[in-house]
Amino acid sequence: MIIGVNGHDEIFSKVIPALTKLASQCKDSEGTWLLGGSCSLWLQDVSITATPNDIDVYVDMKDVEEIHAKLSGFALDEPHLDDTGLYHSCLSHYSLDELPMELVGGFEVRTEGAYYRTEVTDVLSSEAPQWKSGNIVISLMPLAHEFVFNILRNRPDRYLAIATIIRNHPAKHLPLLSNLLERNEWNAQYVSRMAEILDQPLLSGRWKECRNGHE
């Protein structure tokens, strides 16, 4: 799905030039990358409280080196393993038109009741909506990912806003969400909470069936 700019130019007066530069630098890369975080949410019409002021780019671990090389002229450091609190990734930082950017490789979240890893190439990219402005096209993190990620980091300001869109378009988002539940590790409390927020009681039932099938 292609998302047009639809009035975002004014909101992203500082962000759009940086996104354009990002897309231009990475356009010939063989590695797959997705724009996530607040920029992605704004571009998908999720109601968040603050205008985006940074850029988050997600890749699989195997693609870190190539994407970093494409952006090396803007790099502030080299990719390095970062294991802080809930998160584990290969992280590096950049400045694009004075806007901070993070390249996040092999991103994982681990809590007491869940383990979630991003699979950019194999799972997320095929469901990624695309944002277009002029001659640039950027693939965005699917909202199913953004929903579970913000559930895991306990950001109701984000996951409730995302849930509103998912509830309005369940056929578009729930298949990927079910896949993410199947491919990762969750306790029953997390899944029940997601099902309640999305008003999708069958989500919990399908997860239980899948888990029982793997036992």
N, C-alpha and C. Protein backbone atom coordinates (compact mmCIF):
# COMPACT_ATOMS: atom_id res chain seq x y z
N MET A 1 0.84 -1.19 0.00
CA MET A 1 0.00 0.00 0.00
C MET A 1 0.88 1.24 0.00
N ILE A 2 0.57 2.20 -0.87
CA ILE A 2 1.30 3.46 -0.94
C ILE A 2 0.55 4.52 -0.14
N ILE A 3 1.25 5.20 0.76
CA ILE A 3 0.68 6.29 1.54
C ILE A 3 1.20 7.60 0.96
N GLY A 4 0.31 8.48 0.54
CA GLY A 4 0.74 9.77 0.00
C GLY A 4 1.13 10.72 1.11
N VAL A 5 1.66 11.87 0.73
CA VAL A 5 2.14 12.80 1.74
C VAL A 5 0.99 13.43 2.51
N ASN A 6 -0.15 13.71 1.85
CA ASN A 6 -1.39 14.13 2.51
C ASN A 6 -1.20 15.16 3.62
N GLY A 7 -0.53 16.24 3.29
CA GLY A 7 -0.43 17.33 4.26
C GLY A 7 0.65 17.16 5.29
N HIS A 8 1.45 16.10 5.20
CA HIS A 8 2.49 15.89 6.20
C HIS A 8 3.69 16.82 6.01
N ASP A 9 3.79 17.49 4.85
CA ASP A 9 4.97 18.31 4.59
C ASP A 9 5.18 19.37 5.67
N GLU A 10 4.10 20.01 6.09
CA GLU A 10 4.23 21.05 7.10
C GLU A 10 4.66 20.46 8.44
N ILE A 11 4.04 19.36 8.82
CA ILE A 11 4.38 18.71 10.08
C ILE A 11 5.84 18.27 10.08
N PHE A 12 6.27 17.73 8.95
CA PHE A 12 7.62 17.19 8.85
C PHE A 12 8.58 18.14 8.14
N SER A 13 8.44 19.45 8.42
CA SER A 13 9.30 20.42 7.74
C SER A 13 10.78 20.15 7.98
N LYS A 14 11.10 19.57 9.14
CA LYS A 14 12.49 19.20 9.41
C LYS A 14 12.77 17.74 9.08
N VAL A 15 11.74 16.92 9.14
CA VAL A 15 11.95 15.49 8.99
C VAL A 15 12.02 15.06 7.53
N ILE A 16 11.20 15.64 6.68
CA ILE A 16 11.15 15.21 5.28
C ILE A 16 12.50 15.31 4.57
N PRO A 17 13.25 16.41 4.72
CA PRO A 17 14.57 16.44 4.07
C PRO A 17 15.48 15.31 4.54
N ALA A 18 15.41 14.99 5.83
CA ALA A 18 16.24 13.90 6.35
C ALA A 18 15.79 12.56 5.80
N LEU A 19 14.47 12.34 5.70
CA LEU A 19 13.97 11.10 5.14
C LEU A 19 14.34 10.97 3.67
N THR A 20 14.31 12.09 2.96
CA THR A 20 14.71 12.09 1.56
C THR A 20 16.17 11.70 1.41
N LYS A 21 17.00 12.24 2.28
CA LYS A 21 18.43 11.90 2.24
C LYS A 21 18.64 10.43 2.58
N LEU A 22 17.93 9.94 3.58
CA LEU A 22 18.01 8.53 3.96
C LEU A 22 17.65 7.63 2.78
N ALA A 23 16.53 7.92 2.14
CA ALA A 23 16.08 7.10 1.02
C ALA A 23 17.06 7.16 -0.14
N SER A 24 17.62 8.34 -0.39
CA SER A 24 18.57 8.50 -1.49
C SER A 24 19.84 7.71 -1.23
N GLN A 25 20.34 7.75 -0.01
CA GLN A 25 21.58 7.05 0.31
C GLN A 25 21.41 5.53 0.24
N CYS A 26 20.23 5.04 0.58
CA CYS A 26 20.02 3.59 0.71
C CYS A 26 19.26 2.98 -0.46
N LYS A 27 18.99 3.75 -1.50
CA LYS A 27 18.09 3.27 -2.56
C LYS A 27 18.63 2.06 -3.31
N ASP A 28 19.95 1.91 -3.41
CA ASP A 28 20.52 0.79 -4.16
C ASP A 28 20.97 -0.36 -3.26
N SER A 29 20.62 -0.30 -1.99
CA SER A 29 21.09 -1.34 -1.06
C SER A 29 20.35 -2.66 -1.30
N GLU A 30 21.08 -3.74 -1.14
CA GLU A 30 20.46 -5.06 -1.22
C GLU A 30 19.78 -5.42 0.10
N GLY A 31 20.24 -4.83 1.18
CA GLY A 31 19.65 -5.09 2.49
C GLY A 31 18.28 -4.44 2.63
N THR A 32 17.45 -5.04 3.45
CA THR A 32 16.10 -4.53 3.69
C THR A 32 16.08 -3.68 4.95
N TRP A 33 15.49 -2.50 4.87
CA TRP A 33 15.38 -1.63 6.04
C TRP A 33 13.97 -1.05 6.11
N LEU A 34 13.54 -0.79 7.32
CA LEU A 34 12.20 -0.24 7.56
C LEU A 34 12.30 0.96 8.49
N LEU A 35 11.52 1.98 8.20
CA LEU A 35 11.43 3.14 9.08
C LEU A 35 10.43 2.85 10.19
N GLY A 36 10.87 3.02 11.44
CA GLY A 36 9.99 2.77 12.57
C GLY A 36 9.86 3.99 13.46
N GLY A 37 9.40 3.77 14.69
CA GLY A 37 9.32 4.83 15.67
C GLY A 37 8.26 5.87 15.35
N SER A 38 8.47 7.07 15.92
CA SER A 38 7.45 8.12 15.81
C SER A 38 7.25 8.59 14.38
N CYS A 39 8.32 8.61 13.56
CA CYS A 39 8.14 9.00 12.16
C CYS A 39 7.18 8.06 11.44
N SER A 40 7.38 6.77 11.64
CA SER A 40 6.52 5.78 11.00
C SER A 40 5.08 5.92 11.47
N LEU A 41 4.89 6.16 12.76
CA LEU A 41 3.53 6.29 13.30
C LEU A 41 2.83 7.51 12.72
N TRP A 42 3.52 8.63 12.64
CA TRP A 42 2.92 9.82 12.05
C TRP A 42 2.53 9.57 10.60
N LEU A 43 3.41 8.93 9.86
CA LEU A 43 3.14 8.70 8.45
C LEU A 43 2.00 7.72 8.22
N GLN A 44 1.66 6.95 9.26
CA GLN A 44 0.52 6.03 9.18
C GLN A 44 -0.70 6.57 9.92
N ASP A 45 -0.67 7.88 10.18
CA ASP A 45 -1.81 8.60 10.77
C ASP A 45 -2.18 8.12 12.17
N VAL A 46 -1.17 7.64 12.91
CA VAL A 46 -1.38 7.33 14.32
C VAL A 46 -1.29 8.63 15.12
N SER A 47 -2.24 8.85 15.99
CA SER A 47 -2.26 10.08 16.78
C SER A 47 -1.29 9.96 17.95
N ILE A 48 -0.14 10.66 17.83
CA ILE A 48 0.82 10.68 18.93
C ILE A 48 0.98 12.11 19.41
N THR A 49 1.52 12.25 20.61
CA THR A 49 1.44 13.54 21.31
C THR A 49 2.48 14.55 20.88
N ALA A 50 3.57 14.12 20.25
CA ALA A 50 4.64 15.05 19.89
C ALA A 50 5.08 14.83 18.45
N THR A 51 5.47 15.91 17.80
CA THR A 51 6.00 15.80 16.44
C THR A 51 7.32 15.04 16.47
N PRO A 52 7.53 14.12 15.54
CA PRO A 52 8.78 13.35 15.53
C PRO A 52 10.01 14.25 15.44
N ASN A 53 11.03 13.91 16.22
CA ASN A 53 12.27 14.68 16.18
C ASN A 53 13.50 13.80 16.03
N ASP A 54 13.28 12.53 15.66
CA ASP A 54 14.39 11.64 15.37
C ASP A 54 13.92 10.56 14.40
N ILE A 55 14.87 9.76 13.93
CA ILE A 55 14.58 8.73 12.93
C ILE A 55 15.10 7.40 13.45
N ASP A 56 14.27 6.37 13.35
CA ASP A 56 14.65 5.01 13.75
C ASP A 56 14.54 4.10 12.54
N VAL A 57 15.65 3.45 12.19
CA VAL A 57 15.69 2.54 11.05
C VAL A 57 16.04 1.15 11.56
N TYR A 58 15.25 0.16 11.17
CA TYR A 58 15.43 -1.22 11.63
C TYR A 58 15.90 -2.11 10.49
N VAL A 59 16.88 -2.95 10.80
CA VAL A 59 17.40 -3.93 9.84
C VAL A 59 17.67 -5.23 10.57
N ASP A 60 17.81 -6.31 9.81
CA ASP A 60 18.30 -7.55 10.39
C ASP A 60 19.81 -7.43 10.62
N MET A 61 20.33 -8.25 11.50
CA MET A 61 21.75 -8.18 11.82
C MET A 61 22.63 -8.32 10.58
N LYS A 62 22.21 -9.16 9.65
CA LYS A 62 23.02 -9.42 8.46
C LYS A 62 23.14 -8.20 7.55
N ASP A 63 22.26 -7.22 7.72
CA ASP A 63 22.26 -6.06 6.84
C ASP A 63 22.86 -4.81 7.49
N VAL A 64 23.29 -4.93 8.74
CA VAL A 64 23.83 -3.76 9.44
C VAL A 64 25.02 -3.17 8.70
N GLU A 65 25.97 -4.01 8.33
CA GLU A 65 27.21 -3.52 7.72
C GLU A 65 26.93 -2.75 6.43
N GLU A 66 26.05 -3.29 5.57
CA GLU A 66 25.79 -2.63 4.30
C GLU A 66 25.08 -1.29 4.49
N ILE A 67 24.04 -1.26 5.31
CA ILE A 67 23.30 -0.01 5.50
C ILE A 67 24.18 1.02 6.19
N HIS A 68 25.00 0.59 7.14
CA HIS A 68 25.93 1.52 7.78
C HIS A 68 26.89 2.11 6.76
N ALA A 69 27.38 1.29 5.85
CA ALA A 69 28.30 1.79 4.82
C ALA A 69 27.62 2.85 3.95
N LYS A 70 26.34 2.64 3.64
CA LYS A 70 25.61 3.61 2.83
C LYS A 70 25.48 4.96 3.56
N LEU A 71 25.45 4.91 4.88
CA LEU A 71 25.24 6.11 5.69
C LEU A 71 26.50 6.58 6.39
N SER A 72 27.65 6.02 6.03
CA SER A 72 28.89 6.29 6.77
C SER A 72 29.27 7.76 6.78
N GLY A 73 28.89 8.51 5.74
CA GLY A 73 29.21 9.93 5.71
C GLY A 73 28.47 10.74 6.76
N PHE A 74 27.45 10.16 7.37
CA PHE A 74 26.65 10.85 8.37
C PHE A 74 26.80 10.20 9.76
N ALA A 75 27.71 9.21 9.86
CA ALA A 75 27.81 8.41 11.09
C ALA A 75 28.49 9.18 12.22
N LEU A 76 27.98 8.98 13.42
CA LEU A 76 28.57 9.52 14.63
C LEU A 76 29.36 8.48 15.39
N ASP A 77 29.11 7.20 15.10
CA ASP A 77 29.85 6.11 15.72
C ASP A 77 29.75 4.88 14.84
N GLU A 78 30.38 3.80 15.26
CA GLU A 78 30.34 2.53 14.54
C GLU A 78 29.27 1.63 15.16
N PRO A 79 28.70 0.70 14.38
CA PRO A 79 27.75 -0.24 14.97
C PRO A 79 28.38 -1.01 16.13
N HIS A 80 27.62 -1.11 17.21
CA HIS A 80 28.13 -1.79 18.40
C HIS A 80 26.96 -2.48 19.10
N LEU A 81 27.27 -3.58 19.76
CA LEU A 81 26.23 -4.29 20.49
C LEU A 81 25.76 -3.46 21.67
N ASP A 82 24.47 -3.39 21.83
CA ASP A 82 23.86 -2.61 22.90
C ASP A 82 22.87 -3.51 23.63
N ASP A 83 23.12 -3.74 24.89
CA ASP A 83 22.28 -4.63 25.70
C ASP A 83 21.89 -3.86 26.95
N THR A 84 20.76 -3.19 26.89
CA THR A 84 20.36 -2.28 27.96
C THR A 84 18.94 -2.59 28.39
N GLY A 85 18.78 -3.01 29.63
CA GLY A 85 17.43 -3.24 30.13
C GLY A 85 16.67 -4.26 29.32
N LEU A 86 15.57 -3.83 28.72
CA LEU A 86 14.71 -4.73 27.95
C LEU A 86 15.29 -5.07 26.59
N TYR A 87 16.20 -4.24 26.07
CA TYR A 87 16.53 -4.27 24.65
C TYR A 87 17.92 -4.84 24.37
N HIS A 88 18.01 -5.54 23.23
CA HIS A 88 19.30 -6.01 22.72
C HIS A 88 19.32 -5.74 21.23
N SER A 89 20.40 -5.11 20.76
CA SER A 89 20.50 -4.80 19.33
C SER A 89 21.94 -4.45 18.99
N CYS A 90 22.19 -4.29 17.69
CA CYS A 90 23.42 -3.68 17.19
C CYS A 90 23.05 -2.26 16.80
N LEU A 91 23.63 -1.29 17.50
CA LEU A 91 23.16 0.09 17.42
C LEU A 91 24.24 1.02 16.87
N SER A 92 23.84 1.96 16.03
CA SER A 92 24.74 3.02 15.58
C SER A 92 23.93 4.30 15.37
N HIS A 93 24.64 5.43 15.40
CA HIS A 93 23.99 6.74 15.41
C HIS A 93 24.49 7.61 14.27
N TYR A 94 23.60 8.48 13.78
CA TYR A 94 23.89 9.32 12.61
C TYR A 94 23.23 10.68 12.80
N SER A 95 23.63 11.62 11.96
CA SER A 95 22.98 12.92 11.92
C SER A 95 22.63 13.23 10.47
N LEU A 96 21.34 13.30 10.18
CA LEU A 96 20.84 13.59 8.83
C LEU A 96 20.16 14.95 8.86
N ASP A 97 20.78 15.93 8.21
CA ASP A 97 20.25 17.30 8.26
C ASP A 97 19.99 17.73 9.69
N GLU A 98 20.94 17.43 10.56
CA GLU A 98 20.90 17.78 11.98
C GLU A 98 19.81 17.05 12.75
N LEU A 99 19.21 16.06 12.14
CA LEU A 99 18.21 15.24 12.82
C LEU A 99 18.87 13.93 13.26
N PRO A 100 18.77 13.56 14.54
CA PRO A 100 19.40 12.32 14.98
C PRO A 100 18.71 11.09 14.41
N MET A 101 19.52 10.09 14.07
CA MET A 101 19.01 8.84 13.53
C MET A 101 19.71 7.68 14.20
N GLU A 102 18.97 6.62 14.46
CA GLU A 102 19.53 5.37 14.96
C GLU A 102 19.30 4.26 13.95
N LEU A 103 20.34 3.48 13.70
CA LEU A 103 20.23 2.24 12.94
C LEU A 103 20.22 1.10 13.94
N VAL A 104 19.15 0.33 13.94
CA VAL A 104 18.94 -0.71 14.95
C VAL A 104 18.94 -2.06 14.25
N GLY A 105 19.95 -2.86 14.52
CA GLY A 105 20.07 -4.17 13.87
C GLY A 105 19.75 -5.31 14.81
N GLY A 106 19.00 -6.29 14.32
CA GLY A 106 18.70 -7.48 15.11
C GLY A 106 18.00 -7.16 16.42
N PHE A 107 17.01 -6.30 16.38
CA PHE A 107 16.37 -5.79 17.59
C PHE A 107 15.59 -6.88 18.31
N GLU A 108 15.81 -6.99 19.62
CA GLU A 108 15.11 -7.95 20.47
C GLU A 108 14.63 -7.24 21.73
N VAL A 109 13.48 -7.69 22.22
CA VAL A 109 12.94 -7.20 23.49
C VAL A 109 12.66 -8.41 24.37
N ARG A 110 13.17 -8.35 25.60
CA ARG A 110 12.94 -9.45 26.53
C ARG A 110 12.39 -8.89 27.84
N THR A 111 11.22 -9.37 28.24
CA THR A 111 10.64 -9.01 29.53
C THR A 111 10.43 -10.28 30.34
N GLU A 112 9.89 -10.12 31.53
CA GLU A 112 9.66 -11.29 32.39
C GLU A 112 8.70 -12.28 31.74
N GLY A 113 7.78 -11.78 30.93
CA GLY A 113 6.78 -12.68 30.35
C GLY A 113 6.79 -12.79 28.85
N ALA A 114 7.84 -12.26 28.19
CA ALA A 114 7.83 -12.28 26.73
C ALA A 114 9.24 -12.16 26.16
N TYR A 115 9.39 -12.70 24.96
CA TYR A 115 10.60 -12.50 24.17
C TYR A 115 10.17 -12.24 22.73
N TYR A 116 10.58 -11.08 22.21
CA TYR A 116 10.17 -10.67 20.86
C TYR A 116 11.39 -10.23 20.07
N ARG A 117 11.51 -10.73 18.83
CA ARG A 117 12.61 -10.31 17.96
C ARG A 117 12.04 -9.84 16.63
N THR A 118 12.62 -8.80 16.09
CA THR A 118 12.18 -8.30 14.80
C THR A 118 12.82 -9.12 13.69
N GLU A 119 12.01 -9.55 12.74
CA GLU A 119 12.49 -10.26 11.55
C GLU A 119 12.11 -9.40 10.35
N VAL A 120 12.99 -8.48 10.03
CA VAL A 120 12.68 -7.46 9.03
C VAL A 120 12.46 -8.07 7.66
N THR A 121 13.42 -8.87 7.19
CA THR A 121 13.35 -9.40 5.83
C THR A 121 12.30 -10.48 5.69
N ASP A 122 12.30 -11.44 6.59
CA ASP A 122 11.47 -12.63 6.43
C ASP A 122 10.01 -12.43 6.80
N VAL A 123 9.71 -11.47 7.68
CA VAL A 123 8.35 -11.35 8.20
C VAL A 123 7.76 -9.95 7.98
N LEU A 124 8.45 -8.93 8.43
CA LEU A 124 7.86 -7.59 8.48
C LEU A 124 7.82 -6.88 7.14
N SER A 125 8.84 -7.06 6.32
CA SER A 125 8.93 -6.26 5.09
C SER A 125 7.79 -6.55 4.11
N SER A 126 7.32 -7.78 4.07
CA SER A 126 6.25 -8.12 3.12
C SER A 126 4.93 -7.46 3.50
N GLU A 127 4.79 -7.03 4.76
CA GLU A 127 3.56 -6.38 5.22
C GLU A 127 3.74 -4.88 5.42
N ALA A 128 4.89 -4.35 5.01
CA ALA A 128 5.21 -2.95 5.28
C ALA A 128 4.48 -2.02 4.32
N PRO A 129 3.70 -1.07 4.84
CA PRO A 129 3.14 -0.04 3.96
C PRO A 129 4.26 0.87 3.47
N GLN A 130 4.03 1.53 2.36
CA GLN A 130 5.05 2.40 1.79
C GLN A 130 4.55 3.84 1.76
N TRP A 131 5.43 4.73 2.16
CA TRP A 131 5.14 6.16 2.13
C TRP A 131 5.87 6.78 0.96
N LYS A 132 5.17 7.60 0.20
CA LYS A 132 5.76 8.20 -1.00
C LYS A 132 5.66 9.71 -0.92
N SER A 133 6.77 10.37 -1.24
CA SER A 133 6.81 11.82 -1.35
C SER A 133 7.71 12.17 -2.53
N GLY A 134 7.12 12.71 -3.57
CA GLY A 134 7.91 12.97 -4.78
C GLY A 134 8.38 11.67 -5.38
N ASN A 135 9.68 11.57 -5.56
CA ASN A 135 10.23 10.35 -6.17
C ASN A 135 10.84 9.41 -5.14
N ILE A 136 10.58 9.65 -3.86
CA ILE A 136 11.11 8.73 -2.85
C ILE A 136 9.99 7.85 -2.29
N VAL A 137 10.35 6.62 -2.00
CA VAL A 137 9.42 5.67 -1.39
C VAL A 137 10.13 5.02 -0.21
N ILE A 138 9.50 5.04 0.94
CA ILE A 138 10.08 4.47 2.16
C ILE A 138 9.12 3.45 2.73
N SER A 139 9.64 2.27 3.05
CA SER A 139 8.83 1.22 3.68
C SER A 139 8.78 1.44 5.18
N LEU A 140 7.59 1.32 5.74
CA LEU A 140 7.34 1.62 7.15
C LEU A 140 7.12 0.35 7.96
N MET A 141 7.52 0.42 9.22
CA MET A 141 7.24 -0.69 10.13
C MET A 141 5.73 -0.90 10.22
N PRO A 142 5.25 -2.13 10.02
CA PRO A 142 3.81 -2.39 10.17
C PRO A 142 3.32 -2.07 11.57
N LEU A 143 2.07 -1.67 11.66
CA LEU A 143 1.51 -1.30 12.96
C LEU A 143 1.39 -2.48 13.91
N ALA A 144 1.31 -3.70 13.39
CA ALA A 144 1.28 -4.86 14.28
C ALA A 144 2.56 -4.93 15.10
N HIS A 145 3.70 -4.65 14.47
CA HIS A 145 4.97 -4.60 15.21
C HIS A 145 4.94 -3.46 16.23
N GLU A 146 4.54 -2.28 15.79
CA GLU A 146 4.54 -1.13 16.69
C GLU A 146 3.63 -1.37 17.89
N PHE A 147 2.53 -2.09 17.67
CA PHE A 147 1.61 -2.39 18.76
C PHE A 147 2.27 -3.27 19.81
N VAL A 148 2.84 -4.41 19.39
CA VAL A 148 3.43 -5.32 20.37
C VAL A 148 4.65 -4.69 21.03
N PHE A 149 5.45 -3.94 20.27
CA PHE A 149 6.63 -3.29 20.85
C PHE A 149 6.23 -2.32 21.96
N ASN A 150 5.19 -1.54 21.72
CA ASN A 150 4.79 -0.56 22.73
C ASN A 150 4.04 -1.20 23.89
N ILE A 151 3.39 -2.34 23.65
CA ILE A 151 2.86 -3.13 24.77
C ILE A 151 4.02 -3.57 25.66
N LEU A 152 5.08 -4.09 25.06
CA LEU A 152 6.20 -4.63 25.82
C LEU A 152 6.93 -3.55 26.62
N ARG A 153 6.98 -2.35 26.09
CA ARG A 153 7.67 -1.29 26.84
C ARG A 153 6.70 -0.40 27.63
N ASN A 154 5.46 -0.86 27.71
CA ASN A 154 4.45 -0.22 28.56
C ASN A 154 4.26 1.25 28.20
N ARG A 155 3.96 1.49 26.93
CA ARG A 155 3.69 2.85 26.46
C ARG A 155 2.23 2.96 26.00
N PRO A 156 1.30 3.10 26.95
CA PRO A 156 -0.11 3.18 26.57
C PRO A 156 -0.43 4.36 25.66
N ASP A 157 0.34 5.45 25.77
CA ASP A 157 0.10 6.58 24.88
C ASP A 157 0.30 6.19 23.42
N ARG A 158 1.17 5.21 23.19
CA ARG A 158 1.40 4.72 21.83
C ARG A 158 0.46 3.56 21.48
N TYR A 159 0.43 2.51 22.33
CA TYR A 159 -0.30 1.31 21.90
C TYR A 159 -1.81 1.53 21.84
N LEU A 160 -2.35 2.43 22.64
CA LEU A 160 -3.79 2.69 22.55
C LEU A 160 -4.13 3.42 21.25
N ALA A 161 -3.27 4.35 20.85
CA ALA A 161 -3.50 5.06 19.58
C ALA A 161 -3.36 4.11 18.40
N ILE A 162 -2.37 3.23 18.46
CA ILE A 162 -2.19 2.24 17.39
C ILE A 162 -3.39 1.29 17.35
N ALA A 163 -3.86 0.89 18.53
CA ALA A 163 -4.99 -0.05 18.60
C ALA A 163 -6.24 0.52 17.94
N THR A 164 -6.43 1.82 18.03
CA THR A 164 -7.59 2.44 17.39
C THR A 164 -7.60 2.16 15.89
N ILE A 165 -6.45 2.29 15.26
CA ILE A 165 -6.36 2.04 13.82
C ILE A 165 -6.52 0.55 13.52
N ILE A 166 -5.91 -0.31 14.33
CA ILE A 166 -6.03 -1.75 14.10
C ILE A 166 -7.48 -2.19 14.24
N ARG A 167 -8.19 -1.67 15.24
CA ARG A 167 -9.61 -2.03 15.41
C ARG A 167 -10.44 -1.60 14.22
N ASN A 168 -10.08 -0.48 13.62
CA ASN A 168 -10.83 0.02 12.46
C ASN A 168 -10.54 -0.77 11.19
N HIS A 169 -9.39 -1.44 11.14
CA HIS A 169 -9.00 -2.19 9.94
C HIS A 169 -8.41 -3.54 10.35
N PRO A 170 -9.19 -4.38 11.02
CA PRO A 170 -8.64 -5.63 11.55
C PRO A 170 -8.11 -6.57 10.48
N ALA A 171 -8.78 -6.66 9.35
CA ALA A 171 -8.33 -7.59 8.30
C ALA A 171 -6.96 -7.21 7.76
N LYS A 172 -6.63 -5.96 7.87
CA LYS A 172 -5.35 -5.47 7.36
C LYS A 172 -4.20 -5.77 8.32
N HIS A 173 -4.46 -5.77 9.62
CA HIS A 173 -3.39 -5.84 10.61
C HIS A 173 -3.33 -7.14 11.41
N LEU A 174 -4.47 -7.79 11.63
CA LEU A 174 -4.48 -8.94 12.53
C LEU A 174 -3.73 -10.16 12.01
N PRO A 175 -3.72 -10.44 10.70
CA PRO A 175 -2.94 -11.61 10.26
C PRO A 175 -1.46 -11.52 10.64
N LEU A 176 -0.85 -10.35 10.46
CA LEU A 176 0.55 -10.21 10.86
C LEU A 176 0.69 -10.29 12.37
N LEU A 177 -0.22 -9.68 13.10
CA LEU A 177 -0.16 -9.75 14.55
C LEU A 177 -0.22 -11.19 15.03
N SER A 178 -1.10 -11.98 14.46
CA SER A 178 -1.18 -13.40 14.82
C SER A 178 0.13 -14.11 14.52
N ASN A 179 0.75 -13.77 13.40
CA ASN A 179 2.03 -14.36 13.03
C ASN A 179 3.12 -13.99 14.04
N LEU A 180 3.13 -12.74 14.49
CA LEU A 180 4.11 -12.31 15.48
C LEU A 180 3.90 -13.03 16.81
N LEU A 181 2.65 -13.26 17.17
CA LEU A 181 2.38 -14.01 18.40
C LEU A 181 2.86 -15.45 18.27
N GLU A 182 2.69 -16.02 17.08
CA GLU A 182 3.09 -17.41 16.86
C GLU A 182 4.61 -17.57 16.85
N ARG A 183 5.33 -16.60 16.30
CA ARG A 183 6.77 -16.74 16.08
C ARG A 183 7.60 -16.32 17.28
N ASN A 184 6.96 -15.74 18.29
CA ASN A 184 7.69 -15.25 19.45
C ASN A 184 7.12 -15.85 20.73
N GLU A 185 7.64 -15.44 21.86
CA GLU A 185 7.27 -16.05 23.14
C GLU A 185 6.50 -15.04 23.99
N TRP A 186 5.31 -15.47 24.45
CA TRP A 186 4.45 -14.59 25.23
C TRP A 186 3.80 -15.40 26.34
N ASN A 187 3.60 -14.79 27.49
CA ASN A 187 2.77 -15.46 28.48
C ASN A 187 1.31 -15.10 28.22
N ALA A 188 0.42 -15.80 28.90
CA ALA A 188 -1.01 -15.62 28.65
C ALA A 188 -1.49 -14.21 28.99
N GLN A 189 -0.85 -13.59 29.99
CA GLN A 189 -1.28 -12.26 30.40
C GLN A 189 -1.07 -11.24 29.28
N TYR A 190 0.07 -11.33 28.61
CA TYR A 190 0.33 -10.40 27.50
C TYR A 190 -0.71 -10.58 26.38
N VAL A 191 -0.94 -11.83 26.01
CA VAL A 191 -1.85 -12.08 24.89
C VAL A 191 -3.28 -11.67 25.25
N SER A 192 -3.69 -11.97 26.46
CA SER A 192 -5.04 -11.57 26.89
C SER A 192 -5.19 -10.06 26.90
N ARG A 193 -4.12 -9.37 27.32
CA ARG A 193 -4.16 -7.91 27.34
C ARG A 193 -4.29 -7.36 25.92
N MET A 194 -3.53 -7.91 24.97
CA MET A 194 -3.63 -7.46 23.58
C MET A 194 -5.04 -7.70 23.04
N ALA A 195 -5.57 -8.89 23.30
CA ALA A 195 -6.91 -9.23 22.81
C ALA A 195 -7.96 -8.28 23.38
N GLU A 196 -7.81 -7.92 24.65
CA GLU A 196 -8.75 -7.00 25.29
C GLU A 196 -8.67 -5.61 24.67
N ILE A 197 -7.45 -5.10 24.50
CA ILE A 197 -7.28 -3.75 23.96
C ILE A 197 -7.82 -3.65 22.54
N LEU A 198 -7.62 -4.71 21.77
CA LEU A 198 -8.05 -4.71 20.37
C LEU A 198 -9.50 -5.15 20.20
N ASP A 199 -10.14 -5.56 21.30
CA ASP A 199 -11.50 -6.10 21.23
C ASP A 199 -11.56 -7.27 20.27
N GLN A 200 -10.58 -8.16 20.42
CA GLN A 200 -10.45 -9.34 19.56
C GLN A 200 -10.25 -10.58 20.44
N PRO A 201 -11.31 -11.05 21.13
CA PRO A 201 -11.15 -12.20 22.03
C PRO A 201 -10.63 -13.44 21.33
N LEU A 202 -10.91 -13.59 20.04
CA LEU A 202 -10.44 -14.77 19.32
C LEU A 202 -8.92 -14.78 19.17
N LEU A 203 -8.29 -13.63 19.31
CA LEU A 203 -6.83 -13.56 19.20
C LEU A 203 -6.18 -14.44 20.25
N SER A 204 -6.69 -14.38 21.47
CA SER A 204 -6.16 -15.20 22.55
C SER A 204 -6.41 -16.68 22.29
N GLY A 205 -7.60 -17.00 21.76
CA GLY A 205 -7.92 -18.40 21.47
C GLY A 205 -7.02 -18.98 20.41
N ARG A 206 -6.75 -18.21 19.35
CA ARG A 206 -5.87 -18.70 18.28
C ARG A 206 -4.45 -18.90 18.80
N TRP A 207 -4.00 -18.00 19.68
CA TRP A 207 -2.66 -18.14 20.25
C TRP A 207 -2.57 -19.42 21.08
N LYS A 208 -3.60 -19.72 21.88
CA LYS A 208 -3.60 -20.93 22.69
C LYS A 208 -3.58 -22.17 21.81
N GLU A 209 -4.35 -22.16 20.73
CA GLU A 209 -4.35 -23.31 19.81
C GLU A 209 -2.98 -23.51 19.19
N CYS A 210 -2.35 -22.42 18.80
CA CYS A 210 -1.03 -22.50 18.19
C CYS A 210 -0.02 -23.02 19.19
N ARG A 211 -0.07 -22.52 20.42
CA ARG A 211 0.88 -22.95 21.45
C ARG A 211 0.69 -24.43 21.76
N ASN A 212 -0.55 -24.86 21.86
CA ASN A 212 -0.81 -26.27 22.14
C ASN A 212 -0.33 -27.16 21.00
N GLY A 213 -0.43 -26.65 19.78
CA GLY A 213 0.03 -27.42 18.63
C GLY A 213 1.52 -27.61 18.59
N HIS A 214 2.27 -26.71 19.27
CA HIS A 214 3.72 -26.80 19.28
C HIS A 214 4.23 -27.61 20.47
N GLU A 215 3.33 -27.94 21.40
CA GLU A 215 3.77 -28.69 22.59
C GLU A 215 3.82 -30.18 22.30
